[in-house]
C-alpha atoms as a PDB file:
ATOM      1  CA  UNK A   1     -21.060 -87.690  60.491  1.00  0.00           C
ATOM      2  CA  UNK A   2     -17.656 -88.616  61.919  1.00  0.00           C
ATOM      3  CA  UNK A   3     -16.684 -86.493  64.906  1.00  0.00           C
ATOM      4  CA  UNK A   4     -13.542 -84.354  64.946  1.00  0.00           C
ATOM      5  CA  UNK A   5     -11.062 -85.639  67.535  1.00  0.00           C
ATOM      6  CA  UNK A   6     -10.020 -82.542  69.451  1.00  0.00           C
ATOM      7  CA  UNK A   7      -7.078 -81.704  71.714  1.00  0.00           C
ATOM      8  CA  UNK A   8      -7.282 -78.607  73.919  1.00  0.00           C
ATOM      9  CA  UNK A   9      -3.993 -77.166  75.186  1.00  0.00           C
ATOM     10  CA  UNK A  10      -3.822 -74.875  78.213  1.00  0.00           C
ATOM     11  CA  UNK A  11      -6.872 -76.797  79.439  1.00  0.00           C
ATOM     12  CA  UNK A  12      -6.839 -75.261  82.927  1.00  0.00           C
ATOM     13  CA  UNK A  13      -6.714 -71.690  81.630  1.00  0.00           C
ATOM     14  CA  UNK A  14      -9.798 -69.496  81.233  1.00  0.00           C
ATOM     15  CA  UNK A  15     -10.197 -70.131  77.512  1.00  0.00           C
ATOM     16  CA  UNK A  16      -9.169 -73.784  77.758  1.00  0.00           C
ATOM     17  CA  UNK A  17     -11.917 -74.443  80.290  1.00  0.00           C
ATOM     18  CA  UNK A  18     -14.432 -72.472  78.230  1.00  0.00           C
ATOM     19  CA  UNK A  19     -13.650 -74.470  75.059  1.00  0.00           C
ATOM     20  CA  UNK A  20     -14.054 -77.754  76.949  1.00  0.00           C
ATOM     21  CA  UNK A  21     -17.419 -76.494  78.242  1.00  0.00           C
ATOM     22  CA  UNK A  22     -18.540 -75.589  74.694  1.00  0.00           C
ATOM     23  CA  UNK A  23     -17.424 -78.973  73.308  1.00  0.00           C
ATOM     24  CA  UNK A  24     -19.951 -80.662  75.642  1.00  0.00           C
ATOM     25  CA  UNK A  25     -22.843 -79.157  73.699  1.00  0.00           C
ATOM     26  CA  UNK A  26     -21.266 -79.501  70.239  1.00  0.00           C
ATOM     27  CA  UNK A  27     -21.926 -82.895  68.634  1.00  0.00           C
ATOM     28  CA  UNK A  28     -19.329 -82.342  65.888  1.00  0.00           C
ATOM     29  CA  UNK A  29     -16.375 -82.709  68.262  1.00  0.00           C
ATOM     30  CA  UNK A  30     -15.005 -85.411  70.541  1.00  0.00           C
ATOM     31  CA  UNK A  31     -12.530 -84.307  73.203  1.00  0.00           C
ATOM     32  CA  UNK A  32      -9.661 -86.822  73.155  1.00  0.00           C
ATOM     33  CA  UNK A  33      -6.764 -84.951  74.790  1.00  0.00           C
ATOM     34  CA  UNK A  34      -6.237 -82.112  77.278  1.00  0.00           C
ATOM     35  CA  UNK A  35      -2.805 -80.714  78.057  1.00  0.00           C
ATOM     36  CA  UNK A  36      -0.971 -78.318  80.339  1.00  0.00           C
ATOM     37  CA  UNK A  37       2.659 -77.237  80.420  1.00  0.00           C
ATOM     38  CA  UNK A  38       2.970 -78.242  84.079  1.00  0.00           C
ATOM     39  CA  UNK A  39       2.610 -81.727  85.506  1.00  0.00           C
ATOM     40  CA  UNK A  40      -0.682 -82.315  87.344  1.00  0.00           C
ATOM     41  CA  UNK A  41      -2.697 -85.294  88.573  1.00  0.00           C
ATOM     42  CA  UNK A  42      -6.030 -83.660  87.794  1.00  0.00           C
ATOM     43  CA  UNK A  43      -8.512 -85.019  85.239  1.00  0.00           C
ATOM     44  CA  UNK A  44     -10.944 -83.214  82.949  1.00  0.00           C
ATOM     45  CA  UNK A  45     -13.967 -84.910  81.396  1.00  0.00           C
ATOM     46  CA  UNK A  46     -12.440 -88.217  82.467  1.00  0.00           C
ATOM     47  CA  UNK A  47      -9.224 -87.433  80.582  1.00  0.00           C
ATOM     48  CA  UNK A  48      -5.824 -87.330  82.223  1.00  0.00           C
ATOM     49  CA  UNK A  49      -4.165 -83.939  81.840  1.00  0.00           C
ATOM     50  CA  UNK A  50      -0.905 -84.543  79.987  1.00  0.00           C
ATOM     51  CA  UNK A  51       2.111 -82.456  79.102  1.00  0.00           C
ATOM     52  CA  UNK A  52       2.465 -81.589  75.410  1.00  0.00           C
ATOM     53  CA  UNK A  53       4.129 -84.481  73.556  1.00  0.00           C
ATOM     54  CA  UNK A  54       3.948 -86.538  70.370  1.00  0.00           C
ATOM     55  CA  UNK A  55       2.015 -89.398  71.949  1.00  0.00           C
ATOM     56  CA  UNK A  56      -0.836 -87.333  73.368  1.00  0.00           C
ATOM     57  CA  UNK A  57      -1.585 -85.618  70.030  1.00  0.00           C
ATOM     58  CA  UNK A  58      -1.471 -88.767  67.851  1.00  0.00           C
ATOM     59  CA  UNK A  59      -5.214 -89.496  68.137  1.00  0.00           C
ATOM     60  CA  UNK A  60      -6.265 -85.940  67.373  1.00  0.00           C
ATOM     61  CA  UNK A  61      -7.475 -84.383  64.124  1.00  0.00           C
ATOM     62  CA  UNK A  62      -7.281 -80.861  65.490  1.00  0.00           C
ATOM     63  CA  UNK A  63      -5.488 -78.913  68.226  1.00  0.00           C
ATOM     64  CA  UNK A  64      -6.976 -75.721  69.680  1.00  0.00           C
ATOM     65  CA  UNK A  65      -4.345 -73.661  71.463  1.00  0.00           C
ATOM     66  CA  UNK A  66      -4.892 -70.757  73.866  1.00  0.00           C
ATOM     67  CA  UNK A  67      -1.659 -70.657  75.853  1.00  0.00           C
ATOM     68  CA  UNK A  68       1.468 -68.465  75.755  1.00  0.00           C
ATOM     69  CA  UNK A  69       3.794 -67.943  72.746  1.00  0.00           C
ATOM     70  CA  UNK A  70       6.584 -70.227  74.018  1.00  0.00           C
ATOM     71  CA  UNK A  71       4.116 -73.056  74.564  1.00  0.00           C
ATOM     72  CA  UNK A  72       2.391 -72.484  71.207  1.00  0.00           C
ATOM     73  CA  UNK A  73       5.706 -72.746  69.358  1.00  0.00           C
ATOM     74  CA  UNK A  74       6.411 -76.113  71.073  1.00  0.00           C
ATOM     75  CA  UNK A  75       2.934 -77.370  70.128  1.00  0.00           C
ATOM     76  CA  UNK A  76       3.425 -76.298  66.504  1.00  0.00           C
ATOM     77  CA  UNK A  77       6.658 -78.302  66.265  1.00  0.00           C
ATOM     78  CA  UNK A  78       4.777 -81.421  67.410  1.00  0.00           C
ATOM     79  CA  UNK A  79       1.819 -80.665  65.099  1.00  0.00           C
ATOM     80  CA  UNK A  80       4.240 -80.313  62.189  1.00  0.00           C
ATOM     81  CA  UNK A  81       5.701 -83.782  62.819  1.00  0.00           C
ATOM     82  CA  UNK A  82       2.226 -85.335  63.098  1.00  0.00           C
ATOM     83  CA  UNK A  83       0.668 -83.215  60.309  1.00  0.00           C
ATOM     84  CA  UNK A  84      -2.137 -81.951  62.594  1.00  0.00           C
ATOM     85  CA  UNK A  85      -4.313 -78.899  62.062  1.00  0.00           C
ATOM     86  CA  UNK A  86      -3.987 -76.113  64.637  1.00  0.00           C
ATOM     87  CA  UNK A  87      -6.250 -73.224  65.687  1.00  0.00           C
ATOM     88  CA  UNK A  88      -4.193 -70.583  67.526  1.00  0.00           C
ATOM     89  CA  UNK A  89      -5.856 -68.106  69.866  1.00  0.00           C
ATOM     90  CA  UNK A  90      -2.627 -67.249  71.691  1.00  0.00           C
ATOM     91  CA  UNK A  91      -1.432 -63.635  71.407  1.00  0.00           C
ATOM     92  CA  UNK A  92       1.778 -61.705  72.064  1.00  0.00           C
ATOM     93  CA  UNK A  93       4.079 -63.316  69.481  1.00  0.00           C
ATOM     94  CA  UNK A  94       7.370 -61.688  68.471  1.00  0.00           C
ATOM     95  CA  UNK A  95       8.092 -60.864  64.821  1.00  0.00           C
ATOM     96  CA  UNK A  96      10.418 -63.902  64.721  1.00  0.00           C
ATOM     97  CA  UNK A  97       7.685 -66.198  66.089  1.00  0.00           C
ATOM     98  CA  UNK A  98       5.162 -64.796  63.594  1.00  0.00           C
ATOM     99  CA  UNK A  99       7.628 -65.629  60.830  1.00  0.00           C
ATOM    100  CA  UNK A 100       8.019 -69.204  62.125  1.00  0.00           C
ATOM    101  CA  UNK A 101       4.244 -69.692  62.246  1.00  0.00           C
ATOM    102  CA  UNK A 102       4.056 -68.598  58.607  1.00  0.00           C
ATOM    103  CA  UNK A 103       6.809 -71.104  57.780  1.00  0.00           C
ATOM    104  CA  UNK A 104       5.014 -73.974  59.564  1.00  0.00           C
ATOM    105  CA  UNK A 105       1.761 -73.136  57.756  1.00  0.00           C
ATOM    106  CA  UNK A 106       3.347 -74.166  54.460  1.00  0.00           C
ATOM    107  CA  UNK A 107       3.204 -77.751  55.746  1.00  0.00           C
ATOM    108  CA  UNK A 108       0.035 -77.786  57.898  1.00  0.00           C
ATOM    109  CA  UNK A 109      -3.246 -75.806  57.979  1.00  0.00           C
ATOM    110  CA  UNK A 110      -3.155 -73.156  60.723  1.00  0.00           C
ATOM    111  CA  UNK A 111      -5.869 -70.656  61.606  1.00  0.00           C
ATOM    112  CA  UNK A 112      -4.577 -67.867  63.829  1.00  0.00           C
ATOM    113  CA  UNK A 113      -6.677 -65.080  65.282  1.00  0.00           C
ATOM    114  CA  UNK A 114      -6.129 -62.610  68.102  1.00  0.00           C
ATOM    115  CA  UNK A 115      -9.856 -62.888  68.720  1.00  0.00           C
ATOM    116  CA  UNK A 116     -12.278 -65.661  67.725  1.00  0.00           C
ATOM    117  CA  UNK A 117     -15.415 -63.512  67.992  1.00  0.00           C
ATOM    118  CA  UNK A 118     -17.297 -63.080  64.712  1.00  0.00           C
ATOM    119  CA  UNK A 119     -18.312 -59.579  65.849  1.00  0.00           C
ATOM    120  CA  UNK A 120     -14.729 -58.517  66.556  1.00  0.00           C
ATOM    121  CA  UNK A 121     -13.575 -59.787  63.185  1.00  0.00           C
ATOM    122  CA  UNK A 122     -16.362 -57.811  61.541  1.00  0.00           C
ATOM    123  CA  UNK A 123     -15.160 -54.776  63.550  1.00  0.00           C
ATOM    124  CA  UNK A 124     -11.630 -55.265  62.210  1.00  0.00           C
ATOM    125  CA  UNK A 125     -12.997 -55.385  58.658  1.00  0.00           C
ATOM    126  CA  UNK A 126     -14.991 -52.175  59.250  1.00  0.00           C
ATOM    127  CA  UNK A 127     -11.905 -50.572  60.821  1.00  0.00           C
ATOM    128  CA  UNK A 128      -9.911 -51.299  57.683  1.00  0.00           C
ATOM    129  CA  UNK A 129     -12.626 -49.844  55.431  1.00  0.00           C
ATOM    130  CA  UNK A 130     -12.940 -46.741  57.634  1.00  0.00           C
ATOM    131  CA  UNK A 131      -9.180 -46.197  57.742  1.00  0.00           C
ATOM    132  CA  UNK A 132      -8.970 -46.476  53.952  1.00  0.00           C
ATOM    133  CA  UNK A 133     -11.963 -44.182  53.394  1.00  0.00           C
ATOM    134  CA  UNK A 134     -10.944 -41.417  55.819  1.00  0.00           C
ATOM    135  CA  UNK A 135      -7.318 -41.308  54.720  1.00  0.00           C
ATOM    136  CA  UNK A 136      -4.414 -39.430  56.321  1.00  0.00           C
ATOM    137  CA  UNK A 137      -6.478 -36.423  57.434  1.00  0.00           C
ATOM    138  CA  UNK A 138      -7.711 -38.506  60.387  1.00  0.00           C
ATOM    139  CA  UNK A 139      -5.630 -39.725  63.326  1.00  0.00           C
ATOM    140  CA  UNK A 140      -6.652 -42.903  65.142  1.00  0.00           C
ATOM    141  CA  UNK A 141      -6.388 -44.554  68.553  1.00  0.00           C
ATOM    142  CA  UNK A 142      -7.516 -47.837  70.134  1.00  0.00           C
ATOM    143  CA  UNK A 143      -8.999 -48.411  73.601  1.00  0.00           C
ATOM    144  CA  UNK A 144      -9.406 -51.871  75.128  1.00  0.00           C
ATOM    145  CA  UNK A 145     -10.807 -52.942  78.512  1.00  0.00           C
ATOM    146  CA  UNK A 146     -10.322 -56.415  80.006  1.00  0.00           C
ATOM    147  CA  UNK A 147     -10.545 -58.202  83.358  1.00  0.00           C
ATOM    148  CA  UNK A 148      -7.893 -57.551  85.989  1.00  0.00           C
ATOM    149  CA  UNK A 149      -6.295 -61.002  85.449  1.00  0.00           C
ATOM    150  CA  UNK A 150      -5.170 -60.249  81.885  1.00  0.00           C
ATOM    151  CA  UNK A 151      -1.424 -59.634  81.856  1.00  0.00           C
ATOM    152  CA  UNK A 152      -0.476 -58.655  78.299  1.00  0.00           C
ATOM    153  CA  UNK A 153      -1.242 -55.221  76.877  1.00  0.00           C
ATOM    154  CA  UNK A 154      -2.251 -54.020  74.401  1.00  0.00           C
ATOM    155  CA  UNK A 155      -4.475 -57.062  73.920  1.00  0.00           C
ATOM    156  CA  UNK A 156      -4.131 -59.215  70.818  1.00  0.00           C
ATOM    157  CA  UNK A 157      -7.515 -57.873  69.732  1.00  0.00           C
ATOM    158  CA  UNK A 158      -6.392 -54.250  70.093  1.00  0.00           C
ATOM    159  CA  UNK A 159      -3.379 -55.051  67.913  1.00  0.00           C
ATOM    160  CA  UNK A 160      -5.704 -56.747  65.411  1.00  0.00           C
ATOM    161  CA  UNK A 161      -7.675 -53.502  65.194  1.00  0.00           C
ATOM    162  CA  UNK A 162      -4.417 -51.588  64.850  1.00  0.00           C
ATOM    163  CA  UNK A 163      -3.588 -53.878  61.967  1.00  0.00           C
ATOM    164  CA  UNK A 164      -6.958 -53.027  60.442  1.00  0.00           C
ATOM    165  CA  UNK A 165      -6.035 -49.324  60.591  1.00  0.00           C
ATOM    166  CA  UNK A 166      -2.611 -50.060  59.079  1.00  0.00           C
ATOM    167  CA  UNK A 167      -4.071 -52.256  56.324  1.00  0.00           C
ATOM    168  CA  UNK A 168      -6.455 -49.453  55.379  1.00  0.00           C
ATOM    169  CA  UNK A 169      -3.459 -47.153  54.926  1.00  0.00           C
ATOM    170  CA  UNK A 170      -1.457 -49.915  53.181  1.00  0.00           C
ATOM    171  CA  UNK A 171       1.227 -49.665  55.861  1.00  0.00           C
ATOM    172  CA  UNK A 172       2.939 -52.095  58.229  1.00  0.00           C
ATOM    173  CA  UNK A 173       1.445 -52.154  61.734  1.00  0.00           C
ATOM    174  CA  UNK A 174       4.859 -52.345  63.425  1.00  0.00           C
ATOM    175  CA  UNK A 175       5.781 -49.014  61.823  1.00  0.00           C
ATOM    176  CA  UNK A 176       2.554 -47.398  63.023  1.00  0.00           C
ATOM    177  CA  UNK A 177       2.452 -48.470  66.684  1.00  0.00           C
ATOM    178  CA  UNK A 178       2.647 -45.364  68.867  1.00  0.00           C
ATOM    179  CA  UNK A 179       2.468 -45.111  72.661  1.00  0.00           C
ATOM    180  CA  UNK A 180       1.055 -47.916  74.824  1.00  0.00           C
ATOM    181  CA  UNK A 181      -0.790 -46.649  77.887  1.00  0.00           C
ATOM    182  CA  UNK A 182      -2.083 -48.664  80.840  1.00  0.00           C
ATOM    183  CA  UNK A 183      -5.123 -47.653  82.934  1.00  0.00           C
ATOM    184  CA  UNK A 184      -5.267 -44.042  81.709  1.00  0.00           C
ATOM    185  CA  UNK A 185      -8.600 -42.208  82.043  1.00  0.00           C
ATOM    186  CA  UNK A 186      -7.912 -40.466  78.740  1.00  0.00           C
ATOM    187  CA  UNK A 187      -5.163 -40.647  76.140  1.00  0.00           C
ATOM    188  CA  UNK A 188      -4.233 -38.611  73.074  1.00  0.00           C
ATOM    189  CA  UNK A 189      -4.335 -39.194  69.358  1.00  0.00           C
ATOM    190  CA  UNK A 190      -0.935 -39.154  67.690  1.00  0.00           C
ATOM    191  CA  UNK A 191       0.770 -39.321  64.322  1.00  0.00           C
ATOM    192  CA  UNK A 192       0.985 -43.053  65.015  1.00  0.00           C
ATOM    193  CA  UNK A 193      -1.688 -45.312  66.578  1.00  0.00           C
ATOM    194  CA  UNK A 194      -1.801 -44.899  70.374  1.00  0.00           C
ATOM    195  CA  UNK A 195      -3.244 -47.701  72.538  1.00  0.00           C
ATOM    196  CA  UNK A 196      -4.804 -47.540  75.998  1.00  0.00           C
ATOM    197  CA  UNK A 197      -5.407 -50.751  77.992  1.00  0.00           C
ATOM    198  CA  UNK A 198      -7.616 -50.771  81.072  1.00  0.00           C
ATOM    199  CA  UNK A 199      -7.586 -53.720  83.479  1.00  0.00           C
ATOM    200  CA  UNK A 200     -10.427 -53.872  85.993  1.00  0.00           C
ATOM    201  CA  UNK A 201     -13.003 -56.216  87.500  1.00  0.00           C
ATOM    202  CA  UNK A 202     -14.137 -59.242  85.502  1.00  0.00           C
ATOM    203  CA  UNK A 203     -14.872 -57.466  82.206  1.00  0.00           C
ATOM    204  CA  UNK A 204     -14.778 -59.984  79.328  1.00  0.00           C
ATOM    205  CA  UNK A 205     -13.786 -57.493  76.651  1.00  0.00           C
ATOM    206  CA  UNK A 206     -14.569 -54.036  75.290  1.00  0.00           C
ATOM    207  CA  UNK A 207     -12.830 -52.506  72.267  1.00  0.00           C
ATOM    208  CA  UNK A 208     -13.129 -49.111  70.654  1.00  0.00           C
ATOM    209  CA  UNK A 209     -11.454 -47.546  67.624  1.00  0.00           C
ATOM    210  CA  UNK A 210     -11.631 -43.782  67.155  1.00  0.00           C
ATOM    211  CA  UNK A 211     -10.739 -41.667  64.128  1.00  0.00           C
ATOM    212  CA  UNK A 212     -10.476 -37.888  64.509  1.00  0.00           C
ATOM    213  CA  UNK A 213      -9.849 -35.055  62.075  1.00  0.00           C
ATOM    214  CA  UNK A 214     -10.011 -32.468  64.838  1.00  0.00           C
ATOM    215  CA  UNK A 215     -13.408 -31.409  63.487  1.00  0.00           C
ATOM    216  CA  UNK A 216     -15.256 -34.720  63.769  1.00  0.00           C
ATOM    217  CA  UNK A 217     -14.813 -38.165  65.345  1.00  0.00           C
ATOM    218  CA  UNK A 218     -15.826 -41.549  63.987  1.00  0.00           C
ATOM    219  CA  UNK A 219     -16.155 -44.313  66.618  1.00  0.00           C
ATOM    220  CA  UNK A 220     -16.389 -48.079  66.100  1.00  0.00           C
ATOM    221  CA  UNK A 221     -16.866 -50.351  69.082  1.00  0.00           C
ATOM    222  CA  UNK A 222     -17.662 -53.874  70.318  1.00  0.00           C
ATOM    223  CA  UNK A 223     -18.621 -55.298  73.726  1.00  0.00           C
ATOM    224  CA  UNK A 224     -18.458 -58.971  74.713  1.00  0.00           C
ATOM    225  CA  UNK A 225     -20.859 -60.224  77.410  1.00  0.00           C
ATOM    226  CA  UNK A 226     -20.197 -63.975  77.350  1.00  0.00           C
ATOM    227  CA  UNK A 227     -16.848 -65.767  77.049  1.00  0.00           C
ATOM    228  CA  UNK A 228     -18.644 -68.567  75.155  1.00  0.00           C
ATOM    229  CA  UNK A 229     -18.616 -66.426  72.011  1.00  0.00           C
ATOM    230  CA  UNK A 230     -14.823 -66.919  71.837  1.00  0.00           C
ATOM    231  CA  UNK A 231     -14.909 -70.684  72.408  1.00  0.00           C
ATOM    232  CA  UNK A 232     -17.764 -71.185  69.947  1.00  0.00           C
ATOM    233  CA  UNK A 233     -15.841 -69.081  67.435  1.00  0.00           C
ATOM    234  CA  UNK A 234     -12.749 -71.272  67.990  1.00  0.00           C
ATOM    235  CA  UNK A 235     -14.794 -74.438  67.373  1.00  0.00           C
ATOM    236  CA  UNK A 236     -16.271 -72.921  64.185  1.00  0.00           C
ATOM    237  CA  UNK A 237     -12.710 -72.089  63.107  1.00  0.00           C
ATOM    238  CA  UNK A 238     -11.602 -75.666  63.814  1.00  0.00           C
ATOM    239  CA  UNK A 239     -14.481 -77.187  61.864  1.00  0.00           C
ATOM    240  CA  UNK A 240     -13.779 -74.876  58.901  1.00  0.00           C
ATOM    241  CA  UNK A 241     -10.041 -75.685  59.026  1.00  0.00           C
ATOM    242  CA  UNK A 242     -10.680 -79.437  58.623  1.00  0.00           C
ATOM    243  CA  UNK A 243     -11.373 -78.935  54.904  1.00  0.00           C
ATOM    244  CA  UNK A 244      -8.419 -76.674  54.162  1.00  0.00           C
ATOM    245  CA  UNK A 245      -5.025 -77.270  52.587  1.00  0.00           C
ATOM    246  CA  UNK A 246      -1.815 -76.145  54.348  1.00  0.00           C
ATOM    247  CA  UNK A 247      -1.744 -72.382  54.756  1.00  0.00           C
ATOM    248  CA  UNK A 248      -2.070 -69.583  57.300  1.00  0.00           C
ATOM    249  CA  UNK A 249      -5.712 -68.578  57.691  1.00  0.00           C
ATOM    250  CA  UNK A 250      -7.642 -66.067  59.779  1.00  0.00           C
ATOM    251  CA  UNK A 251     -11.249 -65.576  60.868  1.00  0.00           C
ATOM    252  CA  UNK A 252     -11.495 -63.225  57.919  1.00  0.00           C
ATOM    253  CA  UNK A 253     -11.064 -66.222  55.597  1.00  0.00           C
ATOM    254  CA  UNK A 254     -13.743 -68.150  57.497  1.00  0.00           C
ATOM    255  CA  UNK A 255     -16.156 -65.198  57.235  1.00  0.00           C
ATOM    256  CA  UNK A 256     -15.306 -64.790  53.539  1.00  0.00           C
ATOM    257  CA  UNK A 257     -14.454 -61.077  53.718  1.00  0.00           C
ATOM    258  CA  UNK A 258     -12.877 -59.855  50.497  1.00  0.00           C
END
């Protein structure tokens, strides 16, 4: 079987390094390019770390990107010119950037997910079903806990779960986002979805969705113990994307949820 030539962007970041580590034990991929937005003389796996440009991505079949929105948008422009497939794990995009990603996906296959964990994507699916089943008599809120180094909040995963709640109600997430709390011991339910983000220690990721009617509470939750589950999920996404036509896909498509 021919190996998939892979480029990893943000290669010195936490997820970039984890993906490179997972590629070592995955015989389906060959790492051919590693990039960073800043110039460096370092090497990874014998590969020179380059800045993102047309030349460095020419040999690749697939780009896996865990960076920041500005960087992702630059990478997508290059991928569009070269007709390369892209897996996006970056979070925190604006509505305008989301719209551009959708536009680019008409020309190249893109799989975008706020979280590459199969368990988290199952949780989002269950969140949607629960939201639909319980209806408007229940209010909901989302709690997420991550390591102290994580800067953005709410996390992309928390927003994914918020989207699951919104989808269940057949509403737009942006119209349902309520208050965003940081490091609160407790936080209230509201007419909209309230989010609480806790940053402490080296926690990989904990997420909880709660639905309350005032008389009962339904709780859905997920805990991650090993960062490898995200990198392995990203590689599974990349392998799946190799056989897809242009379009914007999610882990939900990979897992074949209806």
